[in-house]
Amino acid sequence: MIPVPFEPSSLGRAFESFLFGIVCATHNTVMNFTRPHERHDWISLQLGKLAATRIREVPARVELGMRNIARWLDHPDCNTHRATARQEWAKLIAQHSPQEIADLLEAESDEAQRLRSSMPFIRPPFFTESERLHIIESAYAK
């Protein structure tokens, strides 16, 4: 059985936003991305690659993604746009093998990037907070 990760508190999210802001302010002029969302897309791709690696290690981890989706859909703040994206992921997971899901997370197409923006494979066991922050830091250090 895969343990369900804790639900971060709003204080945790605020702290993450604060750290992200420090990284942005500290390294903003170093990275040379040409499109407005290129940095975010790069971060998302790196996180997707980590999640794909962890899914390949233990294919049953995709079930944790389904549990995340179910939990998020039950949350009172889940609006129509979020629900649609989450339902799309639920359908993909139900219809594809873990290997195909991992391949999708690593794909560099526009469609894959769009899907990664709402991927349900977050936090441990897909990646640690330290790994996530390192990726964000790297995006601003290049």
N, C-alpha and C. Protein backbone atom coordinates (compact mmCIF):
# COMPACT_ATOMS: atom_id res chain seq x y z
N MET A 1 0.84 -1.19 0.00
CA MET A 1 0.00 0.00 0.00
C MET A 1 0.88 1.24 0.00
N ILE A 2 0.53 2.20 -0.84
CA ILE A 2 1.29 3.44 -0.95
C ILE A 2 0.72 4.43 0.05
N PRO A 3 1.55 5.02 0.91
CA PRO A 3 1.03 5.99 1.87
C PRO A 3 0.55 7.26 1.18
N VAL A 4 -0.55 7.79 1.65
CA VAL A 4 -1.08 9.04 1.10
C VAL A 4 -0.33 10.19 1.74
N PRO A 5 0.20 11.13 0.93
CA PRO A 5 0.93 12.26 1.52
C PRO A 5 -0.01 13.18 2.29
N PHE A 6 0.55 13.89 3.23
CA PHE A 6 -0.25 14.81 4.01
C PHE A 6 -0.74 15.95 3.13
N GLU A 7 -1.84 16.54 3.53
CA GLU A 7 -2.38 17.71 2.85
C GLU A 7 -1.67 18.93 3.43
N PRO A 8 -0.95 19.70 2.60
CA PRO A 8 -0.21 20.83 3.16
C PRO A 8 -1.16 21.90 3.70
N SER A 9 -0.77 22.51 4.76
CA SER A 9 -1.58 23.58 5.33
C SER A 9 -1.39 24.84 4.51
N SER A 10 -2.26 25.80 4.72
CA SER A 10 -2.11 27.07 3.99
C SER A 10 -0.82 27.76 4.41
N LEU A 11 -0.38 27.55 5.65
CA LEU A 11 0.89 28.11 6.09
C LEU A 11 2.03 27.48 5.28
N GLY A 12 1.96 26.17 5.04
CA GLY A 12 2.97 25.50 4.23
C GLY A 12 3.01 26.07 2.82
N ARG A 13 1.85 26.28 2.24
CA ARG A 13 1.80 26.85 0.88
C ARG A 13 2.35 28.27 0.88
N ALA A 14 2.02 29.03 1.89
CA ALA A 14 2.52 30.41 1.98
C ALA A 14 4.04 30.40 2.09
N PHE A 15 4.56 29.49 2.88
CA PHE A 15 6.01 29.40 3.04
C PHE A 15 6.67 29.01 1.73
N GLU A 16 6.06 28.04 1.00
CA GLU A 16 6.60 27.65 -0.31
C GLU A 16 6.60 28.84 -1.26
N SER A 17 5.51 29.60 -1.27
CA SER A 17 5.44 30.78 -2.13
C SER A 17 6.51 31.79 -1.75
N PHE A 18 6.72 31.96 -0.45
CA PHE A 18 7.75 32.86 0.04
C PHE A 18 9.13 32.42 -0.46
N LEU A 19 9.43 31.11 -0.29
CA LEU A 19 10.73 30.59 -0.77
C LEU A 19 10.87 30.77 -2.27
N PHE A 20 9.81 30.48 -3.01
CA PHE A 20 9.84 30.63 -4.46
C PHE A 20 10.14 32.09 -4.82
N GLY A 21 9.53 33.02 -4.09
CA GLY A 21 9.77 34.44 -4.33
C GLY A 21 11.21 34.83 -4.07
N ILE A 22 11.82 34.27 -3.02
CA ILE A 22 13.22 34.56 -2.73
C ILE A 22 14.11 34.05 -3.85
N VAL A 23 13.85 32.82 -4.29
CA VAL A 23 14.64 32.26 -5.39
C VAL A 23 14.49 33.12 -6.63
N CYS A 24 13.25 33.53 -6.93
CA CYS A 24 13.01 34.37 -8.12
C CYS A 24 13.76 35.70 -8.01
N ALA A 25 13.62 36.34 -6.88
CA ALA A 25 14.24 37.65 -6.71
C ALA A 25 15.77 37.55 -6.74
N THR A 26 16.30 36.48 -6.19
CA THR A 26 17.74 36.32 -6.12
C THR A 26 18.37 36.00 -7.46
N HIS A 27 17.68 35.21 -8.27
CA HIS A 27 18.28 34.70 -9.50
C HIS A 27 17.60 35.19 -10.78
N ASN A 28 16.70 36.13 -10.69
CA ASN A 28 15.85 36.50 -11.82
C ASN A 28 16.64 36.91 -13.07
N THR A 29 17.75 37.55 -12.94
CA THR A 29 18.46 38.04 -14.12
C THR A 29 19.44 37.03 -14.70
N VAL A 30 19.65 35.90 -14.03
CA VAL A 30 20.64 34.93 -14.48
C VAL A 30 20.12 34.06 -15.61
N MET A 31 18.88 33.58 -15.53
CA MET A 31 18.32 32.67 -16.52
C MET A 31 17.84 33.46 -17.73
N ASN A 32 18.04 32.90 -18.89
CA ASN A 32 17.66 33.59 -20.12
C ASN A 32 16.60 32.79 -20.87
N PHE A 33 15.37 32.79 -20.36
CA PHE A 33 14.27 32.14 -21.05
C PHE A 33 13.66 33.15 -22.01
N THR A 34 13.24 32.67 -23.18
CA THR A 34 12.73 33.58 -24.20
C THR A 34 11.22 33.75 -24.17
N ARG A 35 10.49 32.76 -23.69
CA ARG A 35 9.03 32.85 -23.60
C ARG A 35 8.63 33.11 -22.15
N PRO A 36 7.51 33.79 -21.95
CA PRO A 36 7.11 34.11 -20.58
C PRO A 36 6.97 32.90 -19.66
N HIS A 37 6.47 31.79 -20.17
CA HIS A 37 6.25 30.62 -19.31
C HIS A 37 7.33 29.56 -19.46
N GLU A 38 8.40 29.87 -20.16
CA GLU A 38 9.43 28.86 -20.42
C GLU A 38 10.08 28.33 -19.14
N ARG A 39 10.33 29.20 -18.18
CA ARG A 39 10.95 28.77 -16.92
C ARG A 39 10.01 27.82 -16.18
N HIS A 40 8.76 28.21 -16.07
CA HIS A 40 7.78 27.36 -15.40
C HIS A 40 7.65 26.02 -16.13
N ASP A 41 7.64 26.05 -17.46
CA ASP A 41 7.55 24.82 -18.24
C ASP A 41 8.76 23.92 -17.97
N TRP A 42 9.94 24.51 -17.85
CA TRP A 42 11.15 23.73 -17.59
C TRP A 42 11.07 23.08 -16.20
N ILE A 43 10.62 23.85 -15.22
CA ILE A 43 10.46 23.31 -13.86
C ILE A 43 9.47 22.16 -13.89
N SER A 44 8.35 22.35 -14.55
CA SER A 44 7.32 21.32 -14.64
C SER A 44 7.86 20.06 -15.32
N LEU A 45 8.65 20.23 -16.37
CA LEU A 45 9.24 19.08 -17.07
C LEU A 45 10.18 18.32 -16.15
N GLN A 46 11.00 19.03 -15.39
CA GLN A 46 11.94 18.35 -14.48
C GLN A 46 11.19 17.58 -13.39
N LEU A 47 10.14 18.18 -12.85
CA LEU A 47 9.33 17.49 -11.85
C LEU A 47 8.63 16.28 -12.47
N GLY A 48 8.17 16.44 -13.71
CA GLY A 48 7.55 15.32 -14.43
C GLY A 48 8.53 14.18 -14.64
N LYS A 49 9.79 14.52 -14.93
CA LYS A 49 10.81 13.48 -15.11
C LYS A 49 11.06 12.72 -13.81
N LEU A 50 11.10 13.45 -12.70
CA LEU A 50 11.27 12.78 -11.41
C LEU A 50 10.09 11.85 -11.13
N ALA A 51 8.88 12.36 -11.34
CA ALA A 51 7.69 11.55 -11.11
C ALA A 51 7.69 10.31 -12.01
N ALA A 52 8.09 10.48 -13.27
CA ALA A 52 8.15 9.35 -14.20
C ALA A 52 9.13 8.29 -13.72
N THR A 53 10.28 8.72 -13.23
CA THR A 53 11.27 7.78 -12.71
C THR A 53 10.70 6.99 -11.54
N ARG A 54 10.01 7.68 -10.64
CA ARG A 54 9.45 7.02 -9.46
C ARG A 54 8.30 6.07 -9.85
N ILE A 55 7.54 6.41 -10.88
CA ILE A 55 6.48 5.52 -11.37
C ILE A 55 7.09 4.27 -11.99
N ARG A 56 8.17 4.44 -12.74
CA ARG A 56 8.82 3.27 -13.33
C ARG A 56 9.41 2.35 -12.26
N GLU A 57 9.89 2.95 -11.17
CA GLU A 57 10.44 2.14 -10.07
C GLU A 57 9.34 1.29 -9.41
N VAL A 58 8.18 1.89 -9.21
CA VAL A 58 7.04 1.21 -8.58
C VAL A 58 5.78 1.62 -9.35
N PRO A 59 5.42 0.85 -10.38
CA PRO A 59 4.27 1.22 -11.22
C PRO A 59 2.96 1.43 -10.45
N ALA A 60 2.79 0.76 -9.33
CA ALA A 60 1.55 0.92 -8.55
C ALA A 60 1.40 2.34 -7.99
N ARG A 61 2.44 3.13 -8.05
CA ARG A 61 2.35 4.51 -7.55
C ARG A 61 1.33 5.35 -8.32
N VAL A 62 0.99 4.94 -9.53
CA VAL A 62 -0.01 5.71 -10.27
C VAL A 62 -1.33 5.74 -9.50
N GLU A 63 -1.57 4.73 -8.67
CA GLU A 63 -2.80 4.71 -7.87
C GLU A 63 -2.83 5.86 -6.86
N LEU A 64 -1.68 6.27 -6.40
CA LEU A 64 -1.62 7.42 -5.51
C LEU A 64 -2.08 8.67 -6.26
N GLY A 65 -1.73 8.78 -7.53
CA GLY A 65 -2.22 9.88 -8.35
C GLY A 65 -3.74 9.89 -8.41
N MET A 66 -4.34 8.70 -8.55
CA MET A 66 -5.80 8.61 -8.57
C MET A 66 -6.39 9.02 -7.23
N ARG A 67 -5.74 8.65 -6.14
CA ARG A 67 -6.23 9.06 -4.82
C ARG A 67 -6.11 10.57 -4.63
N ASN A 68 -5.02 11.16 -5.15
CA ASN A 68 -4.89 12.62 -5.09
C ASN A 68 -6.04 13.28 -5.84
N ILE A 69 -6.33 12.77 -7.03
CA ILE A 69 -7.42 13.33 -7.84
C ILE A 69 -8.74 13.25 -7.08
N ALA A 70 -9.05 12.09 -6.52
CA ALA A 70 -10.30 11.93 -5.78
C ALA A 70 -10.38 12.90 -4.61
N ARG A 71 -9.27 13.06 -3.89
CA ARG A 71 -9.24 13.98 -2.74
C ARG A 71 -9.45 15.42 -3.22
N TRP A 72 -8.77 15.78 -4.32
CA TRP A 72 -8.89 17.15 -4.83
C TRP A 72 -10.30 17.44 -5.34
N LEU A 73 -10.93 16.46 -5.99
CA LEU A 73 -12.28 16.67 -6.50
C LEU A 73 -13.28 16.84 -5.36
N ASP A 74 -13.01 16.24 -4.22
CA ASP A 74 -13.88 16.37 -3.05
C ASP A 74 -13.68 17.69 -2.31
N HIS A 75 -12.60 18.40 -2.61
CA HIS A 75 -12.29 19.64 -1.89
C HIS A 75 -13.27 20.74 -2.32
N PRO A 76 -13.78 21.55 -1.37
CA PRO A 76 -14.74 22.59 -1.72
C PRO A 76 -14.20 23.68 -2.66
N ASP A 77 -12.89 23.85 -2.73
CA ASP A 77 -12.31 24.87 -3.61
C ASP A 77 -12.11 24.37 -5.04
N CYS A 78 -12.53 23.16 -5.35
CA CYS A 78 -12.32 22.60 -6.69
C CYS A 78 -13.34 23.21 -7.66
N ASN A 79 -12.86 24.15 -8.48
CA ASN A 79 -13.75 24.80 -9.45
C ASN A 79 -13.86 23.95 -10.73
N THR A 80 -14.68 24.39 -11.66
CA THR A 80 -14.95 23.63 -12.88
C THR A 80 -13.68 23.38 -13.69
N HIS A 81 -12.82 24.40 -13.83
CA HIS A 81 -11.59 24.24 -14.60
C HIS A 81 -10.69 23.18 -13.96
N ARG A 82 -10.51 23.28 -12.66
CA ARG A 82 -9.68 22.30 -11.96
C ARG A 82 -10.28 20.90 -12.05
N ALA A 83 -11.59 20.81 -11.89
CA ALA A 83 -12.25 19.51 -11.96
C ALA A 83 -12.06 18.88 -13.33
N THR A 84 -12.17 19.67 -14.37
CA THR A 84 -11.99 19.16 -15.74
C THR A 84 -10.58 18.61 -15.93
N ALA A 85 -9.57 19.34 -15.48
CA ALA A 85 -8.18 18.89 -15.61
C ALA A 85 -7.96 17.61 -14.80
N ARG A 86 -8.52 17.53 -13.64
CA ARG A 86 -8.34 16.35 -12.78
C ARG A 86 -9.07 15.14 -13.36
N GLN A 87 -10.24 15.36 -13.90
CA GLN A 87 -10.97 14.27 -14.53
C GLN A 87 -10.24 13.77 -15.78
N GLU A 88 -9.60 14.69 -16.49
CA GLU A 88 -8.81 14.29 -17.65
C GLU A 88 -7.67 13.36 -17.22
N TRP A 89 -7.00 13.71 -16.12
CA TRP A 89 -5.93 12.85 -15.60
C TRP A 89 -6.47 11.50 -15.15
N ALA A 90 -7.62 11.49 -14.50
CA ALA A 90 -8.21 10.24 -14.03
C ALA A 90 -8.48 9.31 -15.23
N LYS A 91 -8.97 9.88 -16.30
CA LYS A 91 -9.25 9.10 -17.51
C LYS A 91 -7.95 8.56 -18.12
N LEU A 92 -6.91 9.41 -18.18
CA LEU A 92 -5.62 8.98 -18.72
C LEU A 92 -5.04 7.82 -17.90
N ILE A 93 -5.09 7.95 -16.58
CA ILE A 93 -4.54 6.91 -15.71
C ILE A 93 -5.32 5.61 -15.88
N ALA A 94 -6.64 5.72 -16.00
CA ALA A 94 -7.48 4.53 -16.14
C ALA A 94 -7.24 3.82 -17.47
N GLN A 95 -6.90 4.58 -18.50
CA GLN A 95 -6.80 4.01 -19.85
C GLN A 95 -5.38 3.68 -20.30
N HIS A 96 -4.38 4.05 -19.52
CA HIS A 96 -2.99 3.84 -19.94
C HIS A 96 -2.18 3.12 -18.88
N SER A 97 -1.15 2.45 -19.32
CA SER A 97 -0.26 1.73 -18.41
C SER A 97 0.61 2.73 -17.65
N PRO A 98 1.16 2.31 -16.52
CA PRO A 98 2.09 3.19 -15.80
C PRO A 98 3.27 3.63 -16.69
N GLN A 99 3.77 2.74 -17.54
CA GLN A 99 4.86 3.10 -18.46
C GLN A 99 4.43 4.22 -19.40
N GLU A 100 3.22 4.14 -19.92
CA GLU A 100 2.71 5.19 -20.82
C GLU A 100 2.52 6.51 -20.08
N ILE A 101 2.07 6.43 -18.84
CA ILE A 101 1.93 7.65 -18.02
C ILE A 101 3.30 8.26 -17.78
N ALA A 102 4.29 7.43 -17.46
CA ALA A 102 5.66 7.92 -17.24
C ALA A 102 6.20 8.57 -18.52
N ASP A 103 5.95 7.94 -19.67
CA ASP A 103 6.40 8.51 -20.94
C ASP A 103 5.76 9.88 -21.18
N LEU A 104 4.48 9.99 -20.87
CA LEU A 104 3.77 11.26 -21.04
C LEU A 104 4.37 12.35 -20.15
N LEU A 105 4.70 12.00 -18.93
CA LEU A 105 5.27 12.98 -18.00
C LEU A 105 6.62 13.52 -18.49
N GLU A 106 7.33 12.74 -19.29
CA GLU A 106 8.64 13.15 -19.80
C GLU A 106 8.59 13.75 -21.21
N ALA A 107 7.45 13.65 -21.85
CA ALA A 107 7.32 14.15 -23.23
C ALA A 107 7.48 15.67 -23.26
N GLU A 108 8.02 16.16 -24.36
CA GLU A 108 8.26 17.60 -24.47
C GLU A 108 7.30 18.30 -25.42
N SER A 109 6.15 17.69 -25.67
CA SER A 109 5.14 18.30 -26.54
C SER A 109 4.33 19.34 -25.77
N ASP A 110 3.64 20.19 -26.50
CA ASP A 110 2.78 21.19 -25.87
C ASP A 110 1.67 20.52 -25.06
N GLU A 111 1.12 19.44 -25.60
CA GLU A 111 0.05 18.71 -24.90
C GLU A 111 0.57 18.12 -23.59
N ALA A 112 1.74 17.54 -23.62
CA ALA A 112 2.33 16.98 -22.39
C ALA A 112 2.58 18.10 -21.37
N GLN A 113 3.05 19.24 -21.85
CA GLN A 113 3.29 20.36 -20.94
C GLN A 113 1.99 20.82 -20.30
N ARG A 114 0.95 20.90 -21.10
CA ARG A 114 -0.36 21.30 -20.57
C ARG A 114 -0.81 20.32 -19.48
N LEU A 115 -0.65 19.03 -19.75
CA LEU A 115 -1.06 18.03 -18.77
C LEU A 115 -0.21 18.09 -17.50
N ARG A 116 1.09 18.32 -17.65
CA ARG A 116 1.96 18.39 -16.47
C ARG A 116 1.55 19.53 -15.54
N SER A 117 0.94 20.57 -16.08
CA SER A 117 0.55 21.71 -15.25
C SER A 117 -0.50 21.32 -14.21
N SER A 118 -1.15 20.18 -14.40
CA SER A 118 -2.14 19.74 -13.42
C SER A 118 -1.90 18.29 -13.00
N MET A 119 -0.67 17.81 -13.12
CA MET A 119 -0.40 16.40 -12.83
C MET A 119 -0.66 16.07 -11.36
N PRO A 120 -1.22 14.88 -11.12
CA PRO A 120 -1.53 14.48 -9.75
C PRO A 120 -0.37 13.77 -9.05
N PHE A 121 0.78 13.73 -9.68
CA PHE A 121 1.93 13.03 -9.13
C PHE A 121 2.87 14.04 -8.46
N ILE A 122 2.52 14.39 -7.23
CA ILE A 122 3.25 15.43 -6.52
C ILE A 122 3.70 14.92 -5.16
N ARG A 123 4.66 15.62 -4.62
CA ARG A 123 5.18 15.32 -3.28
C ARG A 123 5.67 13.88 -3.21
N PRO A 124 6.20 13.48 -2.06
CA PRO A 124 6.62 12.08 -1.93
C PRO A 124 5.42 11.15 -2.15
N PRO A 125 5.59 10.08 -2.83
CA PRO A 125 6.83 9.42 -3.24
C PRO A 125 7.34 9.85 -4.62
N PHE A 126 6.73 10.86 -5.23
CA PHE A 126 7.13 11.24 -6.59
C PHE A 126 8.34 12.16 -6.61
N PHE A 127 8.42 13.07 -5.66
CA PHE A 127 9.62 13.87 -5.44
C PHE A 127 9.51 14.52 -4.07
N THR A 128 10.66 14.79 -3.51
CA THR A 128 10.69 15.39 -2.17
C THR A 128 10.63 16.92 -2.30
N GLU A 129 10.36 17.55 -1.20
CA GLU A 129 10.36 19.02 -1.17
C GLU A 129 11.76 19.54 -1.49
N SER A 130 12.77 18.88 -1.00
CA SER A 130 14.15 19.27 -1.30
C SER A 130 14.44 19.17 -2.80
N GLU A 131 14.01 18.10 -3.43
CA GLU A 131 14.20 17.95 -4.88
C GLU A 131 13.46 19.05 -5.64
N ARG A 132 12.22 19.33 -5.21
CA ARG A 132 11.42 20.37 -5.87
C ARG A 132 12.10 21.73 -5.77
N LEU A 133 12.55 22.07 -4.57
CA LEU A 133 13.21 23.36 -4.38
C LEU A 133 14.52 23.44 -5.16
N HIS A 134 15.25 22.34 -5.23
CA HIS A 134 16.50 22.31 -6.00
C HIS A 134 16.22 22.59 -7.49
N ILE A 135 15.17 22.01 -8.02
CA ILE A 135 14.80 22.24 -9.42
C ILE A 135 14.45 23.71 -9.64
N ILE A 136 13.66 24.27 -8.73
CA ILE A 136 13.28 25.68 -8.86
C ILE A 136 14.53 26.55 -8.79
N GLU A 137 15.40 26.26 -7.85
CA GLU A 137 16.64 27.02 -7.72
C GLU A 137 17.48 26.91 -8.99
N SER A 138 17.56 25.72 -9.54
CA SER A 138 18.34 25.50 -10.78
C SER A 138 17.77 26.31 -11.94
N ALA A 139 16.46 26.47 -11.98
CA ALA A 139 15.84 27.24 -13.07
C ALA A 139 16.26 28.69 -13.05
N TYR A 140 16.60 29.19 -11.88
CA TYR A 140 17.00 30.58 -11.75
C TYR A 140 18.51 30.76 -11.70
N ALA A 141 19.23 29.65 -11.65
CA ALA A 141 20.68 29.74 -11.54
C ALA A 141 21.38 29.55 -12.88
N LYS A 142 20.66 29.12 -13.89
CA LYS A 142 21.30 28.86 -15.20
C LYS A 142 21.58 30.14 -15.94
